Amino acid sequence: PQAENRGTMQAGDAYVLGEFVRLAEGSRIDVSGELQGGTVLIGGDFKGQSPAIPNAKTVWMEPGAVICADGNDGGSVVLWGDDACSFYGSISSRGKEGSGGFVEVSSKGLLNVVGSLDVSALSGRGGKILLDPTNVTIGGVAAGFINTPCPGANFNFGANATSTIDIATLTGLLGTAGCTVT
């Protein structure tokens, strides 16, 4: 898909929904705006919990696919797949004078996160990133994986009573010291 809304005062929304969703290399969704970035829902809504938005079984975002929700305040981007979500592309929800936005890349099943995430703010507070699979294993993460200047950015791993979080190493996970990891 090629969806553009760049430069308008009020950013729009973009929903890409279906049973199996694939954002191919070269695809670009841009809901950036002057005041605030818009909303992008790929495969579902926040934590796959909205009864109004159908969930995809799988979501695949290829390398070279781009989603932008930048603005004075960053917007909101969600990638959700019930069975699997594989993220290899690039997502930005940057803030200019305000705050960085919100990005969720999640699945109840398999979650692969290899792409680039940016919720930075030039002069405001960094945004939030949520990765929320059932179980989390972190290891061998490349430097600069999260492009979020700190302080003020929050990086959250979802967990509940039946989840496990196995952190082999956080070396290089965050590009700059001072971020919050929850």
Foldseek 3Di string as FASTA:
>chain_A
DEADDPEAAAFEEEEAEDQEEEQDAQHEHFRAYAAWFEEYEYQADDVNPDPVGHGHQEYYYAANYEYEREYLEFYEYEHEHAAEYADAYEYAREHEVEFFEEYEGEYQHYYHQQHEYEREYNHYAGEEYEYEYQEAEDDPHAARNYVYDDDHYEYEYDYDPRYYYHYPDCVRVYNYPHYHYD
